[in-house]
Amino acid sequence: MSVEQVRMEAGRFQRKISARNLREYVVAVILIIFFGFEFSRIPQVPARVGFGLLIAGIAYMVWHMLSRGSPGTIDETAGLSSSIEFRRRELARQRDLLRSVWLWYIGPCVPGLVVLVVWFVYGNRSKPVVVLIAAVYVLAVAAGFWWMGRLNARGAEKLQRQIDELDEQSRG
């Protein structure tokens, strides 16, 4: 593997990570605007707390991605071994980010969602169908979270395979 090949792969990886992050940032802005609108529209304090917690959770997720998920830049003057080390570090950093998605991506949204579901059920407790609606909603959200977690775990596994291939090439 040449220095140029390693740099090319690193550049491709950086563009992929930047595109992923941009998608996440756009969705985060849309959700913050939506939840902010709902926060300002609904007078009930528990609902406002729920929407406020969701906004805070999304803001934390964005901060985490900016601080820990942004792609690094490779030194254009680096030699082959330095370029390979850089690529390996970047792969490992992104792998670790994906492995911990439950803590920084999914987890921060849970308190706000719980508050909103409890508020919805409590505020409509006289209607028996509300518990069914809330249960279906909670199951759908849990399934969505599980799917996101599984998708990220697969991505982490793929990155680990790339790390293993780099390690094998470095030894061989």
C-alpha atoms as a PDB file:
ATOM      1  CA  MET A   1       0.000   0.000   0.000  1.00  0.00           C
ATOM      2  CA  SER A   2       1.435   3.367  -1.004  1.00  0.00           C
ATOM      3  CA  VAL A   3       1.205   6.685   0.836  1.00  0.00           C
ATOM      4  CA  GLU A   4      -1.050   7.965  -1.922  1.00  0.00           C
ATOM      5  CA  GLN A   5      -3.441   5.023  -1.528  1.00  0.00           C
ATOM      6  CA  VAL A   6      -3.637   5.564   2.226  1.00  0.00           C
ATOM      7  CA  ARG A   7      -4.287   9.290   1.723  1.00  0.00           C
ATOM      8  CA  MET A   8      -6.934   8.539  -0.888  1.00  0.00           C
ATOM      9  CA  GLU A   9      -8.709   6.132   1.477  1.00  0.00           C
ATOM     10  CA  ALA A  10      -8.413   8.635   4.325  1.00  0.00           C
ATOM     11  CA  GLY A  11      -9.907  11.366   2.125  1.00  0.00           C
ATOM     12  CA  ARG A  12     -12.791   9.133   1.077  1.00  0.00           C
ATOM     13  CA  PHE A  13     -13.429   8.236   4.712  1.00  0.00           C
ATOM     14  CA  GLN A  14     -13.318  11.907   5.770  1.00  0.00           C
ATOM     15  CA  ARG A  15     -15.880  12.829   3.094  1.00  0.00           C
ATOM     16  CA  LYS A  16     -18.147   9.981   4.183  1.00  0.00           C
ATOM     17  CA  ILE A  17     -17.964  11.044   7.842  1.00  0.00           C
ATOM     18  CA  SER A  18     -18.523  14.711   6.928  1.00  0.00           C
ATOM     19  CA  ALA A  19     -21.597  13.787   4.863  1.00  0.00           C
ATOM     20  CA  ARG A  20     -22.980  11.661   7.711  1.00  0.00           C
ATOM     21  CA  ASN A  21     -22.419  14.464  10.203  1.00  0.00           C
ATOM     22  CA  LEU A  22     -24.041  17.030   7.923  1.00  0.00           C
ATOM     23  CA  ARG A  23     -27.151  14.831   7.599  1.00  0.00           C
ATOM     24  CA  GLU A  24     -27.301  14.490  11.382  1.00  0.00           C
ATOM     25  CA  TYR A  25     -26.879  18.244  11.888  1.00  0.00           C
ATOM     26  CA  VAL A  26     -29.652  19.062   9.399  1.00  0.00           C
ATOM     27  CA  VAL A  27     -32.053  16.615  11.083  1.00  0.00           C
ATOM     28  CA  ALA A  28     -31.063  17.996  14.494  1.00  0.00           C
ATOM     29  CA  VAL A  29     -31.829  21.576  13.415  1.00  0.00           C
ATOM     30  CA  ILE A  30     -35.208  20.508  12.007  1.00  0.00           C
ATOM     31  CA  LEU A  31     -36.065  18.667  15.235  1.00  0.00           C
ATOM     32  CA  ILE A  32     -34.929  21.542  17.441  1.00  0.00           C
ATOM     33  CA  ILE A  33     -37.088  23.957  15.424  1.00  0.00           C
ATOM     34  CA  PHE A  34     -40.079  21.592  15.637  1.00  0.00           C
ATOM     35  CA  PHE A  35     -39.668  20.896  19.368  1.00  0.00           C
ATOM     36  CA  GLY A  36     -39.010  24.585  20.006  1.00  0.00           C
ATOM     37  CA  PHE A  37     -42.247  25.455  18.224  1.00  0.00           C
ATOM     38  CA  GLU A  38     -44.130  22.878  20.295  1.00  0.00           C
ATOM     39  CA  PHE A  39     -42.438  24.170  23.454  1.00  0.00           C
ATOM     40  CA  SER A  40     -43.658  27.705  22.732  1.00  0.00           C
ATOM     41  CA  ARG A  41     -47.139  26.589  21.675  1.00  0.00           C
ATOM     42  CA  ILE A  42     -48.089  24.266  24.539  1.00  0.00           C
ATOM     43  CA  PRO A  43     -48.869  25.926  27.871  1.00  0.00           C
ATOM     44  CA  GLN A  44     -48.675  22.825  30.101  1.00  0.00           C
ATOM     45  CA  VAL A  45     -45.466  22.771  32.118  1.00  0.00           C
ATOM     46  CA  PRO A  46     -44.839  18.990  31.885  1.00  0.00           C
ATOM     47  CA  ALA A  47     -45.029  19.117  28.085  1.00  0.00           C
ATOM     48  CA  ARG A  48     -42.696  22.091  28.001  1.00  0.00           C
ATOM     49  CA  VAL A  49     -40.272  20.217  30.252  1.00  0.00           C
ATOM     50  CA  GLY A  50     -40.432  17.223  27.887  1.00  0.00           C
ATOM     51  CA  PHE A  51     -39.799  19.331  24.802  1.00  0.00           C
ATOM     52  CA  GLY A  52     -37.056  21.240  26.605  1.00  0.00           C
ATOM     53  CA  LEU A  53     -35.365  17.963  27.570  1.00  0.00           C
ATOM     54  CA  LEU A  54     -35.587  16.766  23.961  1.00  0.00           C
ATOM     55  CA  ILE A  55     -34.002  19.987  22.723  1.00  0.00           C
ATOM     56  CA  ALA A  56     -31.234  19.658  25.326  1.00  0.00           C
ATOM     57  CA  GLY A  57     -30.684  16.005  24.376  1.00  0.00           C
ATOM     58  CA  ILE A  58     -30.393  16.858  20.692  1.00  0.00           C
ATOM     59  CA  ALA A  59     -28.054  19.766  21.475  1.00  0.00           C
ATOM     60  CA  TYR A  60     -25.859  17.371  23.473  1.00  0.00           C
ATOM     61  CA  MET A  61     -25.849  14.902  20.579  1.00  0.00           C
ATOM     62  CA  VAL A  62     -24.750  17.649  18.168  1.00  0.00           C
ATOM     63  CA  TRP A  63     -22.021  18.810  20.563  1.00  0.00           C
ATOM     64  CA  HIS A  64     -20.811  15.222  20.954  1.00  0.00           C
ATOM     65  CA  MET A  65     -20.664  14.707  17.189  1.00  0.00           C
ATOM     66  CA  LEU A  66     -18.846  17.999  16.700  1.00  0.00           C
ATOM     67  CA  SER A  67     -16.302  17.305  19.421  1.00  0.00           C
ATOM     68  CA  ARG A  68     -15.795  13.569  18.968  1.00  0.00           C
ATOM     69  CA  GLY A  69     -17.200  12.640  15.582  1.00  0.00           C
ATOM     70  CA  SER A  70     -15.725  15.242  13.250  1.00  0.00           C
ATOM     71  CA  PRO A  71     -13.165  13.799  10.857  1.00  0.00           C
ATOM     72  CA  GLY A  72      -9.509  14.569  11.436  1.00  0.00           C
ATOM     73  CA  THR A  73      -7.222  15.880   8.739  1.00  0.00           C
ATOM     74  CA  ILE A  74      -4.187  14.036   7.531  1.00  0.00           C
ATOM     75  CA  ASP A  75      -0.817  15.756   7.332  1.00  0.00           C
ATOM     76  CA  GLU A  76       0.052  16.040   3.646  1.00  0.00           C
ATOM     77  CA  THR A  77       3.761  15.591   4.430  1.00  0.00           C
ATOM     78  CA  ALA A  78       3.271  12.412   6.470  1.00  0.00           C
ATOM     79  CA  GLY A  79       5.056   9.275   5.397  1.00  0.00           C
ATOM     80  CA  LEU A  80       3.505   5.854   4.910  1.00  0.00           C
ATOM     81  CA  SER A  81       3.667   4.702   8.530  1.00  0.00           C
ATOM     82  CA  SER A  82       2.307   8.033   9.857  1.00  0.00           C
ATOM     83  CA  SER A  83      -0.489   7.958   7.273  1.00  0.00           C
ATOM     84  CA  ILE A  84      -1.425   4.405   8.225  1.00  0.00           C
ATOM     85  CA  GLU A  85      -1.377   5.333  11.932  1.00  0.00           C
ATOM     86  CA  PHE A  86      -3.609   8.328  11.208  1.00  0.00           C
ATOM     87  CA  ARG A  87      -6.067   6.172   9.242  1.00  0.00           C
ATOM     88  CA  ARG A  88      -6.138   3.565  11.994  1.00  0.00           C
ATOM     89  CA  ARG A  89      -6.755   6.215  14.691  1.00  0.00           C
ATOM     90  CA  GLU A  90      -9.594   7.733  12.668  1.00  0.00           C
ATOM     91  CA  LEU A  91     -11.195   4.338  12.072  1.00  0.00           C
ATOM     92  CA  ALA A  92     -10.899   3.481  15.774  1.00  0.00           C
ATOM     93  CA  ARG A  93     -12.316   6.854  16.841  1.00  0.00           C
ATOM     94  CA  GLN A  94     -15.350   6.475  14.585  1.00  0.00           C
ATOM     95  CA  ARG A  95     -15.776   2.823  15.636  1.00  0.00           C
ATOM     96  CA  ASP A  96     -15.817   3.882  19.292  1.00  0.00           C
ATOM     97  CA  LEU A  97     -18.312   6.643  18.494  1.00  0.00           C
ATOM     98  CA  LEU A  98     -20.659   4.128  16.863  1.00  0.00           C
ATOM     99  CA  ARG A  99     -20.249   1.627  19.687  1.00  0.00           C
ATOM    100  CA  SER A 100     -21.281   4.217  22.263  1.00  0.00           C
ATOM    101  CA  VAL A 101     -24.314   5.526  20.349  1.00  0.00           C
ATOM    102  CA  TRP A 102     -26.623   4.453  23.185  1.00  0.00           C
ATOM    103  CA  LEU A 103     -24.899   6.857  25.557  1.00  0.00           C
ATOM    104  CA  TRP A 104     -24.578  10.039  23.510  1.00  0.00           C
ATOM    105  CA  TYR A 105     -27.181   9.730  20.736  1.00  0.00           C
ATOM    106  CA  ILE A 106     -30.131   7.703  21.959  1.00  0.00           C
ATOM    107  CA  GLY A 107     -29.835   8.099  25.725  1.00  0.00           C
ATOM    108  CA  PRO A 108     -30.104  11.896  25.875  1.00  0.00           C
ATOM    109  CA  CYS A 109     -33.497  11.786  24.113  1.00  0.00           C
ATOM    110  CA  VAL A 110     -35.055   9.260  26.498  1.00  0.00           C
ATOM    111  CA  PRO A 111     -35.850  11.610  29.442  1.00  0.00           C
ATOM    112  CA  GLY A 112     -37.768  14.035  27.227  1.00  0.00           C
ATOM    113  CA  LEU A 113     -39.700  11.240  25.556  1.00  0.00           C
ATOM    114  CA  VAL A 114     -40.577   9.674  28.919  1.00  0.00           C
ATOM    115  CA  VAL A 115     -41.845  12.997  30.274  1.00  0.00           C
ATOM    116  CA  LEU A 116     -43.972  13.545  27.156  1.00  0.00           C
ATOM    117  CA  VAL A 117     -45.475  10.042  27.243  1.00  0.00           C
ATOM    118  CA  VAL A 118     -46.286  10.321  30.961  1.00  0.00           C
ATOM    119  CA  TRP A 119     -47.792  13.782  30.398  1.00  0.00           C
ATOM    120  CA  PHE A 120     -49.885  12.481  27.480  1.00  0.00           C
ATOM    121  CA  VAL A 121     -51.192   9.463  29.396  1.00  0.00           C
ATOM    122  CA  TYR A 122     -51.816  11.373  32.616  1.00  0.00           C
ATOM    123  CA  GLY A 123     -53.549  14.236  30.813  1.00  0.00           C
ATOM    124  CA  ASN A 124     -55.837  11.836  28.938  1.00  0.00           C
ATOM    125  CA  ARG A 125     -56.259   9.125  31.562  1.00  0.00           C
ATOM    126  CA  SER A 126     -60.043   9.212  31.298  1.00  0.00           C
ATOM    127  CA  LYS A 127     -59.798   7.840  27.749  1.00  0.00           C
ATOM    128  CA  PRO A 128     -58.965   4.119  27.783  1.00  0.00           C
ATOM    129  CA  VAL A 129     -57.524   4.169  24.262  1.00  0.00           C
ATOM    130  CA  VAL A 130     -54.774   6.554  25.378  1.00  0.00           C
ATOM    131  CA  VAL A 131     -52.847   3.815  27.168  1.00  0.00           C
ATOM    132  CA  LEU A 132     -52.965   1.706  24.006  1.00  0.00           C
ATOM    133  CA  ILE A 133     -51.785   4.642  21.880  1.00  0.00           C
ATOM    134  CA  ALA A 134     -48.973   5.356  24.348  1.00  0.00           C
ATOM    135  CA  ALA A 135     -47.960   1.693  24.432  1.00  0.00           C
ATOM    136  CA  VAL A 136     -47.840   1.508  20.636  1.00  0.00           C
ATOM    137  CA  TYR A 137     -45.819   4.740  20.551  1.00  0.00           C
ATOM    138  CA  VAL A 138     -43.354   3.498  23.166  1.00  0.00           C
ATOM    139  CA  LEU A 139     -42.929   0.193  21.308  1.00  0.00           C
ATOM    140  CA  ALA A 140     -42.390   2.026  18.003  1.00  0.00           C
ATOM    141  CA  VAL A 141     -39.805   4.348  19.550  1.00  0.00           C
ATOM    142  CA  ALA A 142     -38.070   1.413  21.277  1.00  0.00           C
ATOM    143  CA  ALA A 143     -37.983  -0.470  17.960  1.00  0.00           C
ATOM    144  CA  GLY A 144     -36.549   2.610  16.251  1.00  0.00           C
ATOM    145  CA  PHE A 145     -33.894   2.972  18.943  1.00  0.00           C
ATOM    146  CA  TRP A 146     -33.040  -0.733  18.710  1.00  0.00           C
ATOM    147  CA  TRP A 147     -32.746  -0.425  14.912  1.00  0.00           C
ATOM    148  CA  MET A 148     -30.466   2.637  15.231  1.00  0.00           C
ATOM    149  CA  GLY A 149     -28.349   0.838  17.807  1.00  0.00           C
ATOM    150  CA  ARG A 150     -28.069  -2.260  15.620  1.00  0.00           C
ATOM    151  CA  LEU A 151     -27.240  -0.198  12.532  1.00  0.00           C
ATOM    152  CA  ASN A 152     -24.470   1.589  14.410  1.00  0.00           C
ATOM    153  CA  ALA A 153     -23.172  -1.698  15.844  1.00  0.00           C
ATOM    154  CA  ARG A 154     -22.895  -3.073  12.300  1.00  0.00           C
ATOM    155  CA  GLY A 155     -21.067   0.067  11.239  1.00  0.00           C
ATOM    156  CA  ALA A 156     -18.669  -0.373  14.170  1.00  0.00           C
ATOM    157  CA  GLU A 157     -18.077  -4.002  13.146  1.00  0.00           C
ATOM    158  CA  LYS A 158     -17.285  -2.894   9.605  1.00  0.00           C
ATOM    159  CA  LEU A 159     -14.818  -0.312  10.886  1.00  0.00           C
ATOM    160  CA  GLN A 160     -13.216  -2.944  13.113  1.00  0.00           C
ATOM    161  CA  ARG A 161     -12.711  -5.184  10.067  1.00  0.00           C
ATOM    162  CA  GLN A 162     -10.990  -2.275   8.298  1.00  0.00           C
ATOM    163  CA  ILE A 163      -8.767  -1.754  11.349  1.00  0.00           C
ATOM    164  CA  ASP A 164      -7.917  -5.459  11.372  1.00  0.00           C
ATOM    165  CA  GLU A 165      -7.038  -5.304   7.657  1.00  0.00           C
ATOM    166  CA  LEU A 166      -4.770  -2.300   8.264  1.00  0.00           C
ATOM    167  CA  ASP A 167      -3.086  -4.104  11.159  1.00  0.00           C
ATOM    168  CA  GLU A 168      -2.580  -7.175   8.995  1.00  0.00           C
ATOM    169  CA  GLN A 169      -1.069  -5.090   6.183  1.00  0.00           C
ATOM    170  CA  SER A 170       1.213  -3.302   8.657  1.00  0.00           C
ATOM    171  CA  ARG A 171       2.542  -6.628   9.963  1.00  0.00           C
ATOM    172  CA  GLY A 172       2.839  -8.223   6.542  1.00  0.00           C
END
